[in-house]
Amino acid sequence: MHEFELIRQVFREADYARPGGAVVRSIGDDCALLHIAVGEQLAVSTDSLLEDVHFPAGADGFLLGQRALAVAVSDLAAMGARPLAFTLALSLPRADVDWLRELSRGLQAMAQQTGTPLVGGDTTRGPLNIGVTVMGTVPDGQALLRSGAKPGQQLWVSGPLGAATAALQVLQDGDNDYPGLFAAYWSPRPQLELGQWLRGKDGAALDVSDGLLADAGHMAAESGVRLVIERELVPVHPEALALSADRAPEWALCGGDDYQLVFTLFEQQAAALQAQFPQACCIGRVCEGQGVLLVDGQGRPVEFSRRGYQHF
């Protein structure tokens, strides 16, 4: 099957690739056409998932499709954006149509869950790599930025951490007794509702992809502040604790791939936040200074040999 026939059969005719809403023209031309409302800015992000780097070799197509789109849409959530559409760039060692149909089915499931239609892309021969570019909109001047943290604010995380790193351990061991870990890894839920709620709250936000400590470091650097994280306040996924009570706290701090949001908020906004998002936890505070300081229950500094995933 040649490239354009593959695109037509597997992607173009799928429900999640049809024009509608903001999508004026979808797959079939050199470019898609999207309508952007007056008073809105376009948010764009690209993620690349490479076999044996970002997911295990031989991964199930359906699960991989869900994950590939979810991790990209999570970037929109971190900016407070509403999803608009996505494009897909596939590098494939061979054209396995059955596997591609499963990949498309997984993409469609997450596209429907997040309201993010497919509008185009590219396919080529090469090592398996899934490139997803997502587009969203946010009202002018209301995008959440990493540079928005202010001394005196609280530091929050949207939910429990450590599940995705624990899931990789389970995958290596071939253990099927931890469904919550598998769900966290293969179909993370982008925190779109929370991201949009945070607009206009005068804080900062990002999603946890490389690890809490590493990603918090990015926020601290961009905002020019010090983030103090209390180790005992960091929520750890219960199934990660069940798998290894000793290792789970480190997974939560350094593991990454959780795609929860880390954000700052003034204390007077906390009650309204928890009324709508009860899983959110306050894990520390924003102070004058620089960098990230992890402390124990007595306020003593805690050192870690690593802080998160390093790509190079």
C-alpha atoms as a PDB file:
ATOM      1  CA  MET A   1       0.000   0.000   0.000  1.00  0.00           C
ATOM      2  CA  HIS A   2       1.492   3.360  -0.980  1.00  0.00           C
ATOM      3  CA  GLU A   3       1.577   6.395   1.309  1.00  0.00           C
ATOM      4  CA  PHE A   4      -1.550   8.216   0.143  1.00  0.00           C
ATOM      5  CA  GLU A   5      -3.693   5.083   0.080  1.00  0.00           C
ATOM      6  CA  LEU A   6      -2.529   4.277   3.618  1.00  0.00           C
ATOM      7  CA  ILE A   7      -3.427   7.786   4.787  1.00  0.00           C
ATOM      8  CA  ARG A   8      -6.822   7.597   3.099  1.00  0.00           C
ATOM      9  CA  GLN A   9      -7.774   4.183   4.490  1.00  0.00           C
ATOM     10  CA  VAL A  10      -6.403   4.511   8.017  1.00  0.00           C
ATOM     11  CA  PHE A  11      -6.640   8.206   8.854  1.00  0.00           C
ATOM     12  CA  ARG A  12      -8.523  10.447   6.409  1.00  0.00           C
ATOM     13  CA  GLU A  13     -11.792   8.533   6.579  1.00  0.00           C
ATOM     14  CA  ALA A  14     -11.744   8.167  10.380  1.00  0.00           C
ATOM     15  CA  ASP A  15     -14.378  10.011  12.408  1.00  0.00           C
ATOM     16  CA  TYR A  16     -11.826  12.100  14.281  1.00  0.00           C
ATOM     17  CA  ALA A  17     -10.429  13.540  11.014  1.00  0.00           C
ATOM     18  CA  ARG A  18     -13.629  15.057   9.663  1.00  0.00           C
ATOM     19  CA  PRO A  19     -14.045  18.851   9.264  1.00  0.00           C
ATOM     20  CA  GLY A  20     -16.293  20.576  11.751  1.00  0.00           C
ATOM     21  CA  GLY A  21     -16.204  23.194  14.489  1.00  0.00           C
ATOM     22  CA  ALA A  22     -12.990  25.193  14.125  1.00  0.00           C
ATOM     23  CA  VAL A  23     -11.720  22.852  11.381  1.00  0.00           C
ATOM     24  CA  VAL A  24     -12.669  24.341   8.016  1.00  0.00           C
ATOM     25  CA  ARG A  25     -10.544  21.991   5.898  1.00  0.00           C
ATOM     26  CA  SER A  26      -8.936  18.781   7.150  1.00  0.00           C
ATOM     27  CA  ILE A  27      -6.796  16.080   5.474  1.00  0.00           C
ATOM     28  CA  GLY A  28      -6.563  16.224   1.685  1.00  0.00           C
ATOM     29  CA  ASP A  29      -4.880  19.526   0.835  1.00  0.00           C
ATOM     30  CA  ASP A  30      -1.365  20.819   1.402  1.00  0.00           C
ATOM     31  CA  CYS A  31      -2.507  22.526   4.609  1.00  0.00           C
ATOM     32  CA  ALA A  32      -5.449  22.272   6.963  1.00  0.00           C
ATOM     33  CA  LEU A  33      -7.586  25.376   7.473  1.00  0.00           C
ATOM     34  CA  LEU A  34      -8.606  26.331  11.006  1.00  0.00           C
ATOM     35  CA  HIS A  35     -10.782  29.180  12.225  1.00  0.00           C
ATOM     36  CA  ILE A  36      -9.379  31.190  15.132  1.00  0.00           C
ATOM     37  CA  ALA A  37     -11.840  33.407  16.978  1.00  0.00           C
ATOM     38  CA  VAL A  38     -11.129  37.100  17.452  1.00  0.00           C
ATOM     39  CA  GLY A  39      -9.449  37.802  20.792  1.00  0.00           C
ATOM     40  CA  GLU A  40      -7.736  34.412  21.017  1.00  0.00           C
ATOM     41  CA  GLN A  41      -4.111  33.358  20.681  1.00  0.00           C
ATOM     42  CA  LEU A  42      -2.885  30.129  19.077  1.00  0.00           C
ATOM     43  CA  ALA A  43      -0.948  27.739  21.340  1.00  0.00           C
ATOM     44  CA  VAL A  44       1.224  25.177  19.499  1.00  0.00           C
ATOM     45  CA  SER A  45       3.367  22.332  20.847  1.00  0.00           C
ATOM     46  CA  THR A  46       5.166  19.340  19.302  1.00  0.00           C
ATOM     47  CA  ASP A  47       6.032  16.017  20.944  1.00  0.00           C
ATOM     48  CA  SER A  48       8.072  13.192  19.455  1.00  0.00           C
ATOM     49  CA  LEU A  49       7.777   9.636  20.811  1.00  0.00           C
ATOM     50  CA  LEU A  50      10.569   7.307  19.714  1.00  0.00           C
ATOM     51  CA  GLU A  51      10.480   3.522  20.144  1.00  0.00           C
ATOM     52  CA  ASP A  52      12.781   2.227  22.910  1.00  0.00           C
ATOM     53  CA  VAL A  53      13.192   5.783  24.206  1.00  0.00           C
ATOM     54  CA  HIS A  54       9.668   6.985  25.030  1.00  0.00           C
ATOM     55  CA  PHE A  55       7.830   3.655  24.870  1.00  0.00           C
ATOM     56  CA  PRO A  56       8.781  -0.041  24.862  1.00  0.00           C
ATOM     57  CA  ALA A  57       9.424  -1.849  21.575  1.00  0.00           C
ATOM     58  CA  GLY A  58       6.450  -3.884  20.377  1.00  0.00           C
ATOM     59  CA  ALA A  59       3.929  -1.599  22.101  1.00  0.00           C
ATOM     60  CA  ASP A  60       0.238  -2.200  21.468  1.00  0.00           C
ATOM     61  CA  GLY A  61      -0.964   0.205  18.765  1.00  0.00           C
ATOM     62  CA  PHE A  62      -4.183   1.214  20.517  1.00  0.00           C
ATOM     63  CA  LEU A  63      -2.455   2.012  23.823  1.00  0.00           C
ATOM     64  CA  LEU A  64       0.336   3.860  22.058  1.00  0.00           C
ATOM     65  CA  GLY A  65      -2.152   5.973  20.091  1.00  0.00           C
ATOM     66  CA  GLN A  66      -3.861   7.055  23.306  1.00  0.00           C
ATOM     67  CA  ARG A  67      -0.565   7.909  24.975  1.00  0.00           C
ATOM     68  CA  ALA A  68       0.929   9.779  22.007  1.00  0.00           C
ATOM     69  CA  LEU A  69      -1.952  12.238  21.813  1.00  0.00           C
ATOM     70  CA  ALA A  70      -2.467  12.543  25.574  1.00  0.00           C
ATOM     71  CA  VAL A  71       1.103  13.625  26.327  1.00  0.00           C
ATOM     72  CA  ALA A  72       0.934  16.259  23.592  1.00  0.00           C
ATOM     73  CA  VAL A  73      -2.447  17.628  24.692  1.00  0.00           C
ATOM     74  CA  SER A  74      -1.061  17.858  28.229  1.00  0.00           C
ATOM     75  CA  ASP A  75       1.102  20.755  26.996  1.00  0.00           C
ATOM     76  CA  LEU A  76      -2.066  22.611  26.024  1.00  0.00           C
ATOM     77  CA  ALA A  77      -3.480  21.975  29.491  1.00  0.00           C
ATOM     78  CA  ALA A  78      -0.320  23.427  31.027  1.00  0.00           C
ATOM     79  CA  MET A  79      -0.885  26.652  29.076  1.00  0.00           C
ATOM     80  CA  GLY A  80      -4.572  26.887  29.930  1.00  0.00           C
ATOM     81  CA  ALA A  81      -5.478  26.333  26.268  1.00  0.00           C
ATOM     82  CA  ARG A  82      -8.549  24.730  24.742  1.00  0.00           C
ATOM     83  CA  PRO A  83      -7.625  22.033  22.175  1.00  0.00           C
ATOM     84  CA  LEU A  84      -8.243  22.933  18.559  1.00  0.00           C
ATOM     85  CA  ALA A  85      -6.628  20.194  16.415  1.00  0.00           C
ATOM     86  CA  PHE A  86      -3.520  18.057  15.936  1.00  0.00           C
ATOM     87  CA  THR A  87      -1.265  16.800  13.159  1.00  0.00           C
ATOM     88  CA  LEU A  88       0.538  13.459  13.051  1.00  0.00           C
ATOM     89  CA  ALA A  89       3.994  12.753  11.590  1.00  0.00           C
ATOM     90  CA  LEU A  90       4.744   9.016  11.454  1.00  0.00           C
ATOM     91  CA  SER A  91       8.053   7.346  10.755  1.00  0.00           C
ATOM     92  CA  LEU A  92       7.502   3.600  10.197  1.00  0.00           C
ATOM     93  CA  PRO A  93       9.940   0.751   9.543  1.00  0.00           C
ATOM     94  CA  ARG A  94       7.156  -0.920   7.530  1.00  0.00           C
ATOM     95  CA  ALA A  95       3.501  -0.300   6.752  1.00  0.00           C
ATOM     96  CA  ASP A  96       1.684  -2.753   9.046  1.00  0.00           C
ATOM     97  CA  VAL A  97      -1.888  -1.741   8.258  1.00  0.00           C
ATOM     98  CA  ASP A  98      -3.482  -3.736  11.091  1.00  0.00           C
ATOM     99  CA  TRP A  99      -1.168  -2.149  13.659  1.00  0.00           C
ATOM    100  CA  LEU A 100      -1.789   1.293  12.162  1.00  0.00           C
ATOM    101  CA  ARG A 101      -5.536   0.798  12.423  1.00  0.00           C
ATOM    102  CA  GLU A 102      -5.089   0.070  16.132  1.00  0.00           C
ATOM    103  CA  LEU A 103      -2.893   3.162  16.493  1.00  0.00           C
ATOM    104  CA  SER A 104      -5.592   5.204  14.779  1.00  0.00           C
ATOM    105  CA  ARG A 105      -8.243   3.708  17.055  1.00  0.00           C
ATOM    106  CA  GLY A 106      -6.224   4.776  20.110  1.00  0.00           C
ATOM    107  CA  LEU A 107      -5.713   8.254  18.686  1.00  0.00           C
ATOM    108  CA  GLN A 108      -9.437   8.510  18.033  1.00  0.00           C
ATOM    109  CA  ALA A 109     -10.290   7.490  21.610  1.00  0.00           C
ATOM    110  CA  MET A 110      -8.066  10.227  23.047  1.00  0.00           C
ATOM    111  CA  ALA A 111      -9.144  12.722  20.357  1.00  0.00           C
ATOM    112  CA  GLN A 112     -12.756  12.255  21.391  1.00  0.00           C
ATOM    113  CA  GLN A 113     -11.906  12.435  25.094  1.00  0.00           C
ATOM    114  CA  THR A 114     -10.005  15.708  24.712  1.00  0.00           C
ATOM    115  CA  GLY A 115     -11.894  17.273  21.799  1.00  0.00           C
ATOM    116  CA  THR A 116      -8.843  17.347  19.524  1.00  0.00           C
ATOM    117  CA  PRO A 117      -9.464  16.342  15.867  1.00  0.00           C
ATOM    118  CA  LEU A 118      -6.777  15.188  13.428  1.00  0.00           C
ATOM    119  CA  VAL A 119      -6.225  17.635  10.543  1.00  0.00           C
ATOM    120  CA  GLY A 120      -3.131  16.371   8.702  1.00  0.00           C
ATOM    121  CA  GLY A 121       0.420  15.074   8.917  1.00  0.00           C
ATOM    122  CA  ASP A 122       2.995  12.984   7.104  1.00  0.00           C
ATOM    123  CA  THR A 123       4.271   9.403   6.843  1.00  0.00           C
ATOM    124  CA  THR A 124       7.734   8.176   5.945  1.00  0.00           C
ATOM    125  CA  ARG A 125       9.908   5.067   6.217  1.00  0.00           C
ATOM    126  CA  GLY A 126      12.327   4.919   9.154  1.00  0.00           C
ATOM    127  CA  PRO A 127      12.640   3.932  12.831  1.00  0.00           C
ATOM    128  CA  LEU A 128       9.276   3.998  14.587  1.00  0.00           C
ATOM    129  CA  ASN A 129       8.643   7.557  15.715  1.00  0.00           C
ATOM    130  CA  ILE A 130       5.332   9.275  16.423  1.00  0.00           C
ATOM    131  CA  GLY A 131       5.378  13.051  16.109  1.00  0.00           C
ATOM    132  CA  VAL A 132       2.302  14.906  17.305  1.00  0.00           C
ATOM    133  CA  THR A 133       1.779  18.658  16.956  1.00  0.00           C
ATOM    134  CA  VAL A 134      -1.157  20.027  18.926  1.00  0.00           C
ATOM    135  CA  MET A 135      -2.846  23.375  18.509  1.00  0.00           C
ATOM    136  CA  GLY A 136      -5.130  25.134  20.949  1.00  0.00           C
ATOM    137  CA  THR A 137      -6.537  28.558  21.708  1.00  0.00           C
ATOM    138  CA  VAL A 138      -6.386  30.749  24.781  1.00  0.00           C
ATOM    139  CA  PRO A 139      -7.855  34.213  25.339  1.00  0.00           C
ATOM    140  CA  ASP A 140      -5.402  37.029  24.656  1.00  0.00           C
ATOM    141  CA  GLY A 141      -3.027  37.536  27.563  1.00  0.00           C
ATOM    142  CA  GLN A 142      -4.372  34.629  29.645  1.00  0.00           C
ATOM    143  CA  ALA A 143      -1.964  31.818  28.747  1.00  0.00           C
ATOM    144  CA  LEU A 144      -0.338  30.137  31.753  1.00  0.00           C
ATOM    145  CA  LEU A 145       3.428  30.641  31.672  1.00  0.00           C
ATOM    146  CA  ARG A 146       6.316  29.080  33.560  1.00  0.00           C
ATOM    147  CA  SER A 147       7.447  32.608  34.389  1.00  0.00           C
ATOM    148  CA  GLY A 148       4.348  33.534  36.419  1.00  0.00           C
ATOM    149  CA  ALA A 149       5.322  32.261  39.904  1.00  0.00           C
ATOM    150  CA  LYS A 150       5.474  34.932  42.608  1.00  0.00           C
ATOM    151  CA  PRO A 151       6.932  34.911  46.136  1.00  0.00           C
ATOM    152  CA  GLY A 152       4.163  34.337  48.659  1.00  0.00           C
ATOM    153  CA  GLN A 153       2.207  31.921  46.475  1.00  0.00           C
ATOM    154  CA  GLN A 154       1.618  28.272  47.256  1.00  0.00           C
ATOM    155  CA  LEU A 155       2.947  25.461  45.045  1.00  0.00           C
ATOM    156  CA  TRP A 156       0.411  22.810  44.019  1.00  0.00           C
ATOM    157  CA  VAL A 157       0.233  19.583  42.031  1.00  0.00           C
ATOM    158  CA  SER A 158      -2.978  18.381  40.395  1.00  0.00           C
ATOM    159  CA  GLY A 159      -2.809  14.743  41.513  1.00  0.00           C
ATOM    160  CA  PRO A 160      -0.694  11.779  42.621  1.00  0.00           C
ATOM    161  CA  LEU A 161       2.721  11.161  41.080  1.00  0.00           C
ATOM    162  CA  GLY A 162       4.978   8.169  40.492  1.00  0.00           C
ATOM    163  CA  ALA A 163       2.511   5.948  38.645  1.00  0.00           C
ATOM    164  CA  ALA A 164       4.112   6.091  35.208  1.00  0.00           C
ATOM    165  CA  THR A 165       7.597   5.210  36.440  1.00  0.00           C
ATOM    166  CA  ALA A 166       6.142   2.398  38.521  1.00  0.00           C
ATOM    167  CA  ALA A 167       4.287   1.164  35.432  1.00  0.00           C
ATOM    168  CA  LEU A 168       7.560   0.805  33.532  1.00  0.00           C
ATOM    169  CA  GLN A 169       8.842  -1.427  36.321  1.00  0.00           C
ATOM    170  CA  VAL A 170       5.688  -3.518  36.120  1.00  0.00           C
ATOM    171  CA  LEU A 171       5.955  -3.764  32.327  1.00  0.00           C
ATOM    172  CA  GLN A 172       9.509  -5.080  32.631  1.00  0.00           C
ATOM    173  CA  ASP A 173       8.395  -7.662  35.197  1.00  0.00           C
ATOM    174  CA  GLY A 174       5.334  -8.749  33.188  1.00  0.00           C
ATOM    175  CA  ASP A 175       3.018  -8.154  36.175  1.00  0.00           C
ATOM    176  CA  ASN A 176      -0.651  -7.420  35.400  1.00  0.00           C
ATOM    177  CA  ASP A 177      -1.859  -6.753  38.961  1.00  0.00           C
ATOM    178  CA  TYR A 178      -1.649  -2.945  38.819  1.00  0.00           C
ATOM    179  CA  PRO A 179      -4.329  -1.625  36.427  1.00  0.00           C
ATOM    180  CA  GLY A 180      -4.077   1.916  37.791  1.00  0.00           C
ATOM    181  CA  LEU A 181      -0.396   2.085  36.895  1.00  0.00           C
ATOM    182  CA  PHE A 182      -1.042   0.869  33.352  1.00  0.00           C
ATOM    183  CA  ALA A 183      -3.823   3.412  32.921  1.00  0.00           C
ATOM    184  CA  ALA A 184      -1.567   6.217  34.183  1.00  0.00           C
ATOM    185  CA  TYR A 185       1.156   5.283  31.714  1.00  0.00           C
ATOM    186  CA  TRP A 186      -0.815   4.366  28.583  1.00  0.00           C
ATOM    187  CA  SER A 187      -3.716   6.804  28.866  1.00  0.00           C
ATOM    188  CA  PRO A 188      -2.757   9.775  31.059  1.00  0.00           C
ATOM    189  CA  ARG A 189      -5.536  12.310  31.400  1.00  0.00           C
ATOM    190  CA  PRO A 190      -4.515  15.810  30.295  1.00  0.00           C
ATOM    191  CA  GLN A 191      -5.612  18.282  32.965  1.00  0.00           C
ATOM    192  CA  LEU A 192      -7.484  20.531  30.544  1.00  0.00           C
ATOM    193  CA  GLU A 193     -10.261  21.600  32.894  1.00  0.00           C
ATOM    194  CA  LEU A 194      -7.810  22.607  35.602  1.00  0.00           C
ATOM    195  CA  GLY A 195      -5.580  24.466  33.158  1.00  0.00           C
ATOM    196  CA  GLN A 196      -8.505  26.521  31.913  1.00  0.00           C
ATOM    197  CA  TRP A 197      -9.662  27.174  35.485  1.00  0.00           C
ATOM    198  CA  LEU A 198      -6.218  28.564  36.337  1.00  0.00           C
ATOM    199  CA  ARG A 199      -6.414  31.263  33.666  1.00  0.00           C
ATOM    200  CA  GLY A 200      -6.482  34.727  35.180  1.00  0.00           C
ATOM    201  CA  LYS A 201      -5.253  33.513  38.598  1.00  0.00           C
ATOM    202  CA  ASP A 202      -1.865  35.266  38.227  1.00  0.00           C
ATOM    203  CA  GLY A 203       0.245  32.134  38.691  1.00  0.00           C
ATOM    204  CA  ALA A 204       2.547  29.775  36.780  1.00  0.00           C
ATOM    205  CA  ALA A 205       2.010  26.245  35.492  1.00  0.00           C
ATOM    206  CA  LEU A 206       3.673  23.369  33.644  1.00  0.00           C
ATOM    207  CA  ASP A 207       3.072  19.640  33.284  1.00  0.00           C
ATOM    208  CA  VAL A 208       5.197  16.920  34.893  1.00  0.00           C
ATOM    209  CA  SER A 209       6.975  15.143  32.048  1.00  0.00           C
ATOM    210  CA  ASP A 210      10.620  14.852  33.160  1.00  0.00           C
ATOM    211  CA  GLY A 211       9.983  14.597  36.914  1.00  0.00           C
ATOM    212  CA  LEU A 212       8.606  16.892  39.616  1.00  0.00           C
ATOM    213  CA  LEU A 213      11.970  18.214  40.809  1.00  0.00           C
ATOM    214  CA  ALA A 214      13.324  18.706  37.291  1.00  0.00           C
ATOM    215  CA  ASP A 215      10.192  20.412  35.997  1.00  0.00           C
ATOM    216  CA  ALA A 216       9.862  22.574  39.100  1.00  0.00           C
ATOM    217  CA  GLY A 217      13.411  23.675  38.353  1.00  0.00           C
ATOM    218  CA  HIS A 218      12.274  24.960  34.957  1.00  0.00           C
ATOM    219  CA  MET A 219       9.533  27.015  36.627  1.00  0.00           C
ATOM    220  CA  ALA A 220      11.905  28.393  39.255  1.00  0.00           C
ATOM    221  CA  ALA A 221      14.410  29.426  36.581  1.00  0.00           C
ATOM    222  CA  GLU A 222      11.827  31.097  34.339  1.00  0.00           C
ATOM    223  CA  SER A 223      10.164  32.909  37.249  1.00  0.00           C
ATOM    224  CA  GLY A 224      13.377  33.884  39.048  1.00  0.00           C
ATOM    225  CA  VAL A 225      12.185  32.418  42.362  1.00  0.00           C
ATOM    226  CA  ARG A 226      12.932  29.596  44.777  1.00  0.00           C
ATOM    227  CA  LEU A 227      10.393  26.768  45.053  1.00  0.00           C
ATOM    228  CA  VAL A 228      10.391  24.988  48.417  1.00  0.00           C
ATOM    229  CA  ILE A 229       8.840  21.503  48.180  1.00  0.00           C
ATOM    230  CA  GLU A 230       7.909  19.572  51.331  1.00  0.00           C
ATOM    231  CA  ARG A 231       8.666  15.914  50.646  1.00  0.00           C
ATOM    232  CA  GLU A 232       5.905  14.565  52.910  1.00  0.00           C
ATOM    233  CA  LEU A 233       3.258  16.645  51.128  1.00  0.00           C
ATOM    234  CA  VAL A 234       3.981  15.251  47.646  1.00  0.00           C
ATOM    235  CA  PRO A 235       1.112  12.842  46.792  1.00  0.00           C
ATOM    236  CA  VAL A 236       2.285   9.369  45.738  1.00  0.00           C
ATOM    237  CA  HIS A 237       0.071   7.088  43.645  1.00  0.00           C
ATOM    238  CA  PRO A 238      -1.316   4.323  45.934  1.00  0.00           C
ATOM    239  CA  GLU A 239      -0.491   1.514  43.493  1.00  0.00           C
ATOM    240  CA  ALA A 240       3.086   2.771  43.233  1.00  0.00           C
ATOM    241  CA  LEU A 241       3.296   2.570  47.027  1.00  0.00           C
ATOM    242  CA  ALA A 242       1.807  -0.919  46.938  1.00  0.00           C
ATOM    243  CA  LEU A 243       4.435  -1.976  44.402  1.00  0.00           C
ATOM    244  CA  SER A 244       7.343  -0.555  46.414  1.00  0.00           C
ATOM    245  CA  ALA A 245       6.853   1.609  49.488  1.00  0.00           C
ATOM    246  CA  ASP A 246      10.608   2.275  49.532  1.00  0.00           C
ATOM    247  CA  ARG A 247      11.010   3.397  45.910  1.00  0.00           C
ATOM    248  CA  ALA A 248       7.643   5.066  45.263  1.00  0.00           C
ATOM    249  CA  PRO A 249       8.522   8.429  46.898  1.00  0.00           C
ATOM    250  CA  GLU A 250      11.559   8.753  44.614  1.00  0.00           C
ATOM    251  CA  TRP A 251       9.432   7.804  41.582  1.00  0.00           C
ATOM    252  CA  ALA A 252       7.027  10.598  42.531  1.00  0.00           C
ATOM    253  CA  LEU A 253       9.810  13.165  42.862  1.00  0.00           C
ATOM    254  CA  CYS A 254      12.061  12.196  39.960  1.00  0.00           C
ATOM    255  CA  GLY A 255      10.258   9.710  37.704  1.00  0.00           C
ATOM    256  CA  GLY A 256       8.326  11.842  35.231  1.00  0.00           C
ATOM    257  CA  ASP A 257       5.698  10.933  32.623  1.00  0.00           C
ATOM    258  CA  ASP A 258       2.854  11.640  35.069  1.00  0.00           C
ATOM    259  CA  TYR A 259       1.430  14.635  33.117  1.00  0.00           C
ATOM    260  CA  GLN A 260      -0.104  16.148  36.212  1.00  0.00           C
ATOM    261  CA  LEU A 261       0.107  19.933  36.429  1.00  0.00           C
ATOM    262  CA  VAL A 262       2.423  21.778  38.822  1.00  0.00           C
ATOM    263  CA  PHE A 263       1.184  25.317  39.437  1.00  0.00           C
ATOM    264  CA  THR A 264       1.266  28.264  41.801  1.00  0.00           C
ATOM    265  CA  LEU A 265      -1.672  29.952  43.446  1.00  0.00           C
ATOM    266  CA  PHE A 266      -2.364  32.562  46.106  1.00  0.00           C
ATOM    267  CA  GLU A 267      -3.638  31.087  49.368  1.00  0.00           C
ATOM    268  CA  GLN A 268      -6.995  32.867  49.163  1.00  0.00           C
ATOM    269  CA  GLN A 269      -7.747  30.945  45.938  1.00  0.00           C
ATOM    270  CA  ALA A 270      -7.081  27.503  47.480  1.00  0.00           C
ATOM    271  CA  ALA A 271     -10.598  26.797  48.782  1.00  0.00           C
ATOM    272  CA  ALA A 272     -12.185  27.419  45.382  1.00  0.00           C
ATOM    273  CA  LEU A 273      -9.551  25.193  43.762  1.00  0.00           C
ATOM    274  CA  GLN A 274     -10.120  22.244  46.088  1.00  0.00           C
ATOM    275  CA  ALA A 275     -13.890  22.554  45.832  1.00  0.00           C
ATOM    276  CA  GLN A 276     -13.624  21.896  42.100  1.00  0.00           C
ATOM    277  CA  PHE A 277     -10.444  19.792  41.956  1.00  0.00           C
ATOM    278  CA  PRO A 278     -10.271  17.798  45.221  1.00  0.00           C
ATOM    279  CA  GLN A 279      -7.267  15.704  44.123  1.00  0.00           C
ATOM    280  CA  ALA A 280      -5.034  18.785  43.950  1.00  0.00           C
ATOM    281  CA  CYS A 281      -2.456  19.009  46.740  1.00  0.00           C
ATOM    282  CA  CYS A 282      -0.420  21.886  48.094  1.00  0.00           C
ATOM    283  CA  ILE A 283       3.189  20.683  48.178  1.00  0.00           C
ATOM    284  CA  GLY A 284       5.156  23.804  49.047  1.00  0.00           C
ATOM    285  CA  ARG A 285       5.617  27.519  48.557  1.00  0.00           C
ATOM    286  CA  VAL A 286       7.231  30.146  46.360  1.00  0.00           C
ATOM    287  CA  CYS A 287      10.001  32.200  47.979  1.00  0.00           C
ATOM    288  CA  GLU A 288      12.564  34.812  47.095  1.00  0.00           C
ATOM    289  CA  GLY A 289      15.748  33.252  45.738  1.00  0.00           C
ATOM    290  CA  GLN A 290      16.454  30.703  43.052  1.00  0.00           C
ATOM    291  CA  GLY A 291      16.240  26.982  42.337  1.00  0.00           C
ATOM    292  CA  VAL A 292      14.296  24.178  44.014  1.00  0.00           C
ATOM    293  CA  LEU A 293      14.729  23.189  47.650  1.00  0.00           C
ATOM    294  CA  LEU A 294      13.321  19.855  48.837  1.00  0.00           C
ATOM    295  CA  VAL A 295      12.810  19.648  52.600  1.00  0.00           C
ATOM    296  CA  ASP A 296      11.652  16.995  55.063  1.00  0.00           C
ATOM    297  CA  GLY A 297       8.956  17.345  57.707  1.00  0.00           C
ATOM    298  CA  GLN A 298      11.320  19.296  59.965  1.00  0.00           C
ATOM    299  CA  GLY A 299      12.307  21.695  57.197  1.00  0.00           C
ATOM    300  CA  ARG A 300      15.742  20.151  56.683  1.00  0.00           C
ATOM    301  CA  PRO A 301      17.118  20.015  53.111  1.00  0.00           C
ATOM    302  CA  VAL A 302      16.906  16.639  51.343  1.00  0.00           C
ATOM    303  CA  GLU A 303      19.402  15.842  48.608  1.00  0.00           C
ATOM    304  CA  PHE A 304      18.770  13.593  45.587  1.00  0.00           C
ATOM    305  CA  SER A 305      21.455  12.267  43.258  1.00  0.00           C
ATOM    306  CA  ARG A 306      19.125  12.863  40.297  1.00  0.00           C
ATOM    307  CA  ARG A 307      16.156  15.142  39.772  1.00  0.00           C
ATOM    308  CA  GLY A 308      14.494  13.777  36.658  1.00  0.00           C
ATOM    309  CA  TYR A 309      14.850  12.377  33.168  1.00  0.00           C
ATOM    310  CA  GLN A 310      17.740  13.684  31.080  1.00  0.00           C
ATOM    311  CA  HIS A 311      17.415  13.428  27.289  1.00  0.00           C
ATOM    312  CA  PHE A 312      21.136  13.888  26.663  1.00  0.00           C
END
